């Protein structure tokens, strides 16, 4: 997976694209069909089967699963796809990417989405977007290294107070992008963190995409 050619991880890219797309699919699904009562997460019946059926839509866009307001951390292969699919599902998307040239490329590529997409650099003031978001999708990946944390625990707590988030940690197989991350499985994919956020940590997201 770590083999690079002209700066690209050519074997990892297809799996990253699938992972980004499925993160958007599942965000919409969980937002509409999963409930939280106290400390309990209430799943719909036959959850792994339903997620597998949803994965079978790839690369198409499922209908009626708008994930709402989405923040995507990282504009690489997975983040780009997560943003694209979220937008096509009807979401309002904020994408955070540190590299200026990548932001410019994504701005040109996604120009047709107009005001539904905003692209931010790390130096920008996007904190209000984090507070207002329904979904965070973490897609920051460094080949061969532990995934960087995109927020401190204090920031996570502060941003969760106004509205608990659905947090999709695509980088969990490298340790995760969010503080306190741990892995889950498709049999029980979600957990509640101390701040009331619903978190997804399946380590091999493309595994249901047959």
C-alpha atoms as a PDB file:
ATOM      1  CA  UNK A   1       0.000   0.000   0.000  1.00  0.00           C
ATOM      2  CA  UNK A   2       2.901   2.339   0.709  1.00  0.00           C
ATOM      3  CA  UNK A   3       4.416   1.983  -2.795  1.00  0.00           C
ATOM      4  CA  UNK A   4       4.695   5.444  -4.361  1.00  0.00           C
ATOM      5  CA  UNK A   5       4.976   6.476  -7.993  1.00  0.00           C
ATOM      6  CA  UNK A   6       5.477  10.148  -8.826  1.00  0.00           C
ATOM      7  CA  UNK A   7       4.338  11.063  -5.326  1.00  0.00           C
ATOM      8  CA  UNK A   8       1.160   8.971  -5.479  1.00  0.00           C
ATOM      9  CA  UNK A   9       0.329   5.811  -3.518  1.00  0.00           C
ATOM     10  CA  UNK A  10      -0.979   3.975  -6.564  1.00  0.00           C
ATOM     11  CA  UNK A  11      -2.212   0.858  -4.744  1.00  0.00           C
ATOM     12  CA  UNK A  12      -3.801   2.736  -1.858  1.00  0.00           C
ATOM     13  CA  UNK A  13      -5.694   5.295  -3.955  1.00  0.00           C
ATOM     14  CA  UNK A  14      -8.549   3.024  -5.174  1.00  0.00           C
ATOM     15  CA  UNK A  15      -9.235   1.804  -1.621  1.00  0.00           C
ATOM     16  CA  UNK A  16      -9.042   5.374  -0.285  1.00  0.00           C
ATOM     17  CA  UNK A  17     -11.576   6.497  -2.862  1.00  0.00           C
ATOM     18  CA  UNK A  18     -13.970   3.737  -1.835  1.00  0.00           C
ATOM     19  CA  UNK A  19     -13.435   4.525   1.850  1.00  0.00           C
ATOM     20  CA  UNK A  20     -14.202   8.210   1.292  1.00  0.00           C
ATOM     21  CA  UNK A  21     -17.364   7.435  -0.654  1.00  0.00           C
ATOM     22  CA  UNK A  22     -18.628   4.915   1.891  1.00  0.00           C
ATOM     23  CA  UNK A  23     -17.930   7.325   4.746  1.00  0.00           C
ATOM     24  CA  UNK A  24     -20.348   9.741   3.089  1.00  0.00           C
ATOM     25  CA  UNK A  25     -22.907   6.978   2.382  1.00  0.00           C
ATOM     26  CA  UNK A  26     -22.816   5.740   5.965  1.00  0.00           C
ATOM     27  CA  UNK A  27     -22.916   9.230   7.432  1.00  0.00           C
ATOM     28  CA  UNK A  28     -26.210   9.781   5.647  1.00  0.00           C
ATOM     29  CA  UNK A  29     -27.502   6.358   6.680  1.00  0.00           C
ATOM     30  CA  UNK A  30     -26.597   6.766  10.354  1.00  0.00           C
ATOM     31  CA  UNK A  31     -28.011  10.285  10.462  1.00  0.00           C
ATOM     32  CA  UNK A  32     -31.389   9.026   9.234  1.00  0.00           C
ATOM     33  CA  UNK A  33     -31.650   5.545  10.772  1.00  0.00           C
ATOM     34  CA  UNK A  34     -29.652   5.427  14.025  1.00  0.00           C
ATOM     35  CA  UNK A  35     -30.952   6.887  17.285  1.00  0.00           C
ATOM     36  CA  UNK A  36     -29.378   7.495  20.667  1.00  0.00           C
ATOM     37  CA  UNK A  37     -31.362   7.035  23.878  1.00  0.00           C
ATOM     38  CA  UNK A  38     -29.329   7.906  26.940  1.00  0.00           C
ATOM     39  CA  UNK A  39     -26.181   5.769  26.693  1.00  0.00           C
ATOM     40  CA  UNK A  40     -27.700   3.342  24.166  1.00  0.00           C
ATOM     41  CA  UNK A  41     -27.186   3.368  20.414  1.00  0.00           C
ATOM     42  CA  UNK A  42     -30.264   2.007  18.638  1.00  0.00           C
ATOM     43  CA  UNK A  43     -29.488   0.443  15.248  1.00  0.00           C
ATOM     44  CA  UNK A  44     -32.020  -0.642  12.635  1.00  0.00           C
ATOM     45  CA  UNK A  45     -32.451  -4.423  12.205  1.00  0.00           C
ATOM     46  CA  UNK A  46     -29.927  -6.356  10.072  1.00  0.00           C
ATOM     47  CA  UNK A  47     -27.419  -3.496  10.216  1.00  0.00           C
ATOM     48  CA  UNK A  48     -24.370  -5.191   8.573  1.00  0.00           C
ATOM     49  CA  UNK A  49     -26.591  -6.467   5.761  1.00  0.00           C
ATOM     50  CA  UNK A  50     -28.032  -2.999   5.159  1.00  0.00           C
ATOM     51  CA  UNK A  51     -24.575  -1.411   5.171  1.00  0.00           C
ATOM     52  CA  UNK A  52     -23.436  -4.058   2.702  1.00  0.00           C
ATOM     53  CA  UNK A  53     -26.367  -3.249   0.417  1.00  0.00           C
ATOM     54  CA  UNK A  54     -25.474   0.419   0.640  1.00  0.00           C
ATOM     55  CA  UNK A  55     -21.827  -0.335  -0.206  1.00  0.00           C
ATOM     56  CA  UNK A  56     -23.087  -2.109  -3.315  1.00  0.00           C
ATOM     57  CA  UNK A  57     -24.194   1.281  -4.689  1.00  0.00           C
ATOM     58  CA  UNK A  58     -20.563   2.329  -5.208  1.00  0.00           C
ATOM     59  CA  UNK A  59     -19.728   4.322  -7.310  1.00  0.00           C
ATOM     60  CA  UNK A  60     -23.312   5.593  -7.645  1.00  0.00           C
ATOM     61  CA  UNK A  61     -24.924   8.120  -5.292  1.00  0.00           C
ATOM     62  CA  UNK A  62     -27.698   6.865  -2.974  1.00  0.00           C
ATOM     63  CA  UNK A  63     -30.855   8.947  -2.736  1.00  0.00           C
ATOM     64  CA  UNK A  64     -32.658  10.310   0.334  1.00  0.00           C
ATOM     65  CA  UNK A  65     -29.614  10.106   2.639  1.00  0.00           C
ATOM     66  CA  UNK A  66     -28.543  13.743   2.836  1.00  0.00           C
ATOM     67  CA  UNK A  67     -26.004  13.899   5.694  1.00  0.00           C
ATOM     68  CA  UNK A  68     -26.659  17.626   6.318  1.00  0.00           C
ATOM     69  CA  UNK A  69     -23.767  19.914   7.179  1.00  0.00           C
ATOM     70  CA  UNK A  70     -20.480  18.074   6.658  1.00  0.00           C
ATOM     71  CA  UNK A  71     -16.892  19.006   7.462  1.00  0.00           C
ATOM     72  CA  UNK A  72     -14.214  16.948   5.713  1.00  0.00           C
ATOM     73  CA  UNK A  73     -10.701  17.051   7.157  1.00  0.00           C
ATOM     74  CA  UNK A  74      -8.143  16.452   4.405  1.00  0.00           C
ATOM     75  CA  UNK A  75      -8.421  16.935   0.657  1.00  0.00           C
ATOM     76  CA  UNK A  76      -6.470  13.879  -0.505  1.00  0.00           C
ATOM     77  CA  UNK A  77      -8.020  10.941  -2.340  1.00  0.00           C
ATOM     78  CA  UNK A  78     -10.373   9.868   0.470  1.00  0.00           C
ATOM     79  CA  UNK A  79     -11.300  13.398   1.515  1.00  0.00           C
ATOM     80  CA  UNK A  80     -11.929  14.536  -2.031  1.00  0.00           C
ATOM     81  CA  UNK A  81     -14.270  11.589  -2.624  1.00  0.00           C
ATOM     82  CA  UNK A  82     -16.037  12.059   0.708  1.00  0.00           C
ATOM     83  CA  UNK A  83     -16.664  15.700  -0.175  1.00  0.00           C
ATOM     84  CA  UNK A  84     -17.819  14.895  -3.714  1.00  0.00           C
ATOM     85  CA  UNK A  85     -20.273  12.195  -2.648  1.00  0.00           C
ATOM     86  CA  UNK A  86     -21.575  14.278   0.266  1.00  0.00           C
ATOM     87  CA  UNK A  87     -22.247  17.155  -2.116  1.00  0.00           C
ATOM     88  CA  UNK A  88     -24.020  14.886  -4.599  1.00  0.00           C
ATOM     89  CA  UNK A  89     -26.148  13.540  -1.724  1.00  0.00           C
ATOM     90  CA  UNK A  90     -27.291  17.108  -1.058  1.00  0.00           C
ATOM     91  CA  UNK A  91     -24.980  18.095   1.785  1.00  0.00           C
ATOM     92  CA  UNK A  92     -23.423  21.442   2.534  1.00  0.00           C
ATOM     93  CA  UNK A  93     -19.677  20.755   2.749  1.00  0.00           C
ATOM     94  CA  UNK A  94     -16.681  22.487   4.295  1.00  0.00           C
ATOM     95  CA  UNK A  95     -13.366  20.918   3.289  1.00  0.00           C
ATOM     96  CA  UNK A  96     -10.180  21.673   5.261  1.00  0.00           C
ATOM     97  CA  UNK A  97      -6.897  21.131   3.398  1.00  0.00           C
ATOM     98  CA  UNK A  98      -3.498  22.495   4.390  1.00  0.00           C
ATOM     99  CA  UNK A  99      -1.843  22.516   0.937  1.00  0.00           C
ATOM    100  CA  UNK A 100      -2.615  25.621  -1.108  1.00  0.00           C
ATOM    101  CA  UNK A 101      -2.098  23.959  -4.494  1.00  0.00           C
ATOM    102  CA  UNK A 102      -4.467  21.142  -3.526  1.00  0.00           C
ATOM    103  CA  UNK A 103      -7.095  23.647  -2.383  1.00  0.00           C
ATOM    104  CA  UNK A 104      -6.820  25.452  -5.700  1.00  0.00           C
ATOM    105  CA  UNK A 105      -7.159  22.179  -7.625  1.00  0.00           C
ATOM    106  CA  UNK A 106     -10.234  21.137  -5.635  1.00  0.00           C
ATOM    107  CA  UNK A 107     -11.754  24.587  -6.042  1.00  0.00           C
ATOM    108  CA  UNK A 108     -11.505  24.256  -9.823  1.00  0.00           C
ATOM    109  CA  UNK A 109     -12.739  20.663  -9.841  1.00  0.00           C
ATOM    110  CA  UNK A 110     -15.774  21.351  -7.656  1.00  0.00           C
ATOM    111  CA  UNK A 111     -16.626  24.767  -9.076  1.00  0.00           C
ATOM    112  CA  UNK A 112     -20.033  23.557 -10.255  1.00  0.00           C
ATOM    113  CA  UNK A 113     -21.174  22.998  -6.657  1.00  0.00           C
ATOM    114  CA  UNK A 114     -20.936  26.740  -6.028  1.00  0.00           C
ATOM    115  CA  UNK A 115     -21.869  27.944  -2.514  1.00  0.00           C
ATOM    116  CA  UNK A 116     -22.587  24.399  -1.273  1.00  0.00           C
ATOM    117  CA  UNK A 117     -18.824  23.865  -0.893  1.00  0.00           C
ATOM    118  CA  UNK A 118     -16.307  25.961   0.998  1.00  0.00           C
ATOM    119  CA  UNK A 119     -12.600  25.104   1.047  1.00  0.00           C
ATOM    120  CA  UNK A 120     -10.427  26.244   3.944  1.00  0.00           C
ATOM    121  CA  UNK A 121      -6.734  26.347   4.779  1.00  0.00           C
ATOM    122  CA  UNK A 122      -5.441  25.718   8.284  1.00  0.00           C
ATOM    123  CA  UNK A 123      -4.822  29.438   8.720  1.00  0.00           C
ATOM    124  CA  UNK A 124      -8.474  30.309   8.001  1.00  0.00           C
ATOM    125  CA  UNK A 125     -11.214  30.940  10.549  1.00  0.00           C
ATOM    126  CA  UNK A 126     -13.559  27.982  10.071  1.00  0.00           C
ATOM    127  CA  UNK A 127     -14.385  27.322  13.730  1.00  0.00           C
ATOM    128  CA  UNK A 128     -18.047  28.294  13.328  1.00  0.00           C
ATOM    129  CA  UNK A 129     -18.379  25.712  10.573  1.00  0.00           C
ATOM    130  CA  UNK A 130     -17.053  23.054  12.950  1.00  0.00           C
ATOM    131  CA  UNK A 131     -19.576  24.042  15.609  1.00  0.00           C
ATOM    132  CA  UNK A 132     -22.530  24.022  13.223  1.00  0.00           C
ATOM    133  CA  UNK A 133     -21.673  20.756  11.455  1.00  0.00           C
ATOM    134  CA  UNK A 134     -23.734  17.580  11.763  1.00  0.00           C
ATOM    135  CA  UNK A 135     -20.942  15.337  10.462  1.00  0.00           C
ATOM    136  CA  UNK A 136     -17.153  15.370  10.609  1.00  0.00           C
ATOM    137  CA  UNK A 137     -15.227  13.069   8.280  1.00  0.00           C
ATOM    138  CA  UNK A 138     -11.536  12.614   9.127  1.00  0.00           C
ATOM    139  CA  UNK A 139      -9.439  11.740   6.063  1.00  0.00           C
ATOM    140  CA  UNK A 140      -5.950  13.000   6.941  1.00  0.00           C
ATOM    141  CA  UNK A 141      -3.485  10.219   6.183  1.00  0.00           C
ATOM    142  CA  UNK A 142       0.325  10.125   6.197  1.00  0.00           C
ATOM    143  CA  UNK A 143       1.801   7.077   4.455  1.00  0.00           C
ATOM    144  CA  UNK A 144       3.716   4.858   6.852  1.00  0.00           C
ATOM    145  CA  UNK A 145       3.040   7.063   9.882  1.00  0.00           C
ATOM    146  CA  UNK A 146       0.437   7.477  12.589  1.00  0.00           C
ATOM    147  CA  UNK A 147      -2.477   9.606  11.456  1.00  0.00           C
ATOM    148  CA  UNK A 148      -2.262  13.178  12.783  1.00  0.00           C
ATOM    149  CA  UNK A 149      -4.877  14.442  15.185  1.00  0.00           C
ATOM    150  CA  UNK A 150      -6.823  17.291  13.573  1.00  0.00           C
ATOM    151  CA  UNK A 151      -8.173  18.667  16.873  1.00  0.00           C
ATOM    152  CA  UNK A 152      -7.186  18.787  20.523  1.00  0.00           C
ATOM    153  CA  UNK A 153      -9.423  17.166  23.127  1.00  0.00           C
ATOM    154  CA  UNK A 154     -10.399  20.628  24.403  1.00  0.00           C
ATOM    155  CA  UNK A 155     -11.406  21.722  20.892  1.00  0.00           C
ATOM    156  CA  UNK A 156     -13.395  18.526  20.473  1.00  0.00           C
ATOM    157  CA  UNK A 157     -15.235  19.222  23.730  1.00  0.00           C
ATOM    158  CA  UNK A 158     -15.887  22.881  22.871  1.00  0.00           C
ATOM    159  CA  UNK A 159     -17.117  22.204  19.339  1.00  0.00           C
ATOM    160  CA  UNK A 160     -19.401  19.397  20.544  1.00  0.00           C
ATOM    161  CA  UNK A 161     -21.294  21.524  23.051  1.00  0.00           C
ATOM    162  CA  UNK A 162     -23.507  23.353  20.582  1.00  0.00           C
ATOM    163  CA  UNK A 163     -24.326  20.244  18.572  1.00  0.00           C
ATOM    164  CA  UNK A 164     -23.068  16.662  19.050  1.00  0.00           C
ATOM    165  CA  UNK A 165     -21.439  15.308  15.895  1.00  0.00           C
ATOM    166  CA  UNK A 166     -21.461  12.140  13.886  1.00  0.00           C
ATOM    167  CA  UNK A 167     -17.719  11.548  13.473  1.00  0.00           C
ATOM    168  CA  UNK A 168     -16.513   9.280  10.664  1.00  0.00           C
ATOM    169  CA  UNK A 169     -12.831   8.441  11.248  1.00  0.00           C
ATOM    170  CA  UNK A 170     -11.575   7.160   7.891  1.00  0.00           C
ATOM    171  CA  UNK A 171      -7.984   7.281   9.200  1.00  0.00           C
ATOM    172  CA  UNK A 172      -8.704   4.944  12.142  1.00  0.00           C
ATOM    173  CA  UNK A 173      -6.491   2.183  10.686  1.00  0.00           C
ATOM    174  CA  UNK A 174      -3.556   4.592  11.262  1.00  0.00           C
ATOM    175  CA  UNK A 175      -4.746   5.562  14.740  1.00  0.00           C
ATOM    176  CA  UNK A 176      -7.473   8.032  13.812  1.00  0.00           C
ATOM    177  CA  UNK A 177      -7.773  11.758  13.266  1.00  0.00           C
ATOM    178  CA  UNK A 178      -9.792  12.556  16.370  1.00  0.00           C
ATOM    179  CA  UNK A 179      -8.743  12.462  20.057  1.00  0.00           C
ATOM    180  CA  UNK A 180      -9.754   9.320  21.921  1.00  0.00           C
ATOM    181  CA  UNK A 181     -10.384   7.328  18.747  1.00  0.00           C
ATOM    182  CA  UNK A 182     -10.689   3.554  18.846  1.00  0.00           C
ATOM    183  CA  UNK A 183     -11.570   0.957  16.268  1.00  0.00           C
ATOM    184  CA  UNK A 184     -14.946  -0.745  15.785  1.00  0.00           C
ATOM    185  CA  UNK A 185     -16.437  -3.399  13.501  1.00  0.00           C
ATOM    186  CA  UNK A 186     -19.355  -3.526  11.092  1.00  0.00           C
ATOM    187  CA  UNK A 187     -21.304  -5.587  13.641  1.00  0.00           C
ATOM    188  CA  UNK A 188     -21.153  -2.661  16.109  1.00  0.00           C
ATOM    189  CA  UNK A 189     -19.718   0.276  14.127  1.00  0.00           C
ATOM    190  CA  UNK A 190     -20.547   3.213  16.401  1.00  0.00           C
ATOM    191  CA  UNK A 191     -19.749   4.340  19.930  1.00  0.00           C
ATOM    192  CA  UNK A 192     -20.513   7.381  22.075  1.00  0.00           C
ATOM    193  CA  UNK A 193     -17.641   9.536  23.282  1.00  0.00           C
ATOM    194  CA  UNK A 194     -17.658  11.507  26.569  1.00  0.00           C
ATOM    195  CA  UNK A 195     -18.966  14.613  24.786  1.00  0.00           C
ATOM    196  CA  UNK A 196     -22.065  12.984  23.283  1.00  0.00           C
ATOM    197  CA  UNK A 197     -20.643  12.483  19.794  1.00  0.00           C
ATOM    198  CA  UNK A 198     -21.511   9.370  17.824  1.00  0.00           C
ATOM    199  CA  UNK A 199     -18.291   7.963  16.371  1.00  0.00           C
ATOM    200  CA  UNK A 200     -17.536   5.473  13.572  1.00  0.00           C
ATOM    201  CA  UNK A 201     -14.218   3.624  13.669  1.00  0.00           C
ATOM    202  CA  UNK A 202     -14.360   0.632  11.293  1.00  0.00           C
ATOM    203  CA  UNK A 203     -10.764  -0.049  10.257  1.00  0.00           C
ATOM    204  CA  UNK A 204     -11.381  -1.631   6.861  1.00  0.00           C
ATOM    205  CA  UNK A 205     -14.196   0.450   5.430  1.00  0.00           C
ATOM    206  CA  UNK A 206     -14.009  -0.950   1.841  1.00  0.00           C
ATOM    207  CA  UNK A 207     -14.425  -4.557   3.056  1.00  0.00           C
ATOM    208  CA  UNK A 208     -18.200  -4.549   2.370  1.00  0.00           C
ATOM    209  CA  UNK A 209     -17.682  -3.318  -1.184  1.00  0.00           C
ATOM    210  CA  UNK A 210     -17.607  -6.609  -3.056  1.00  0.00           C
END
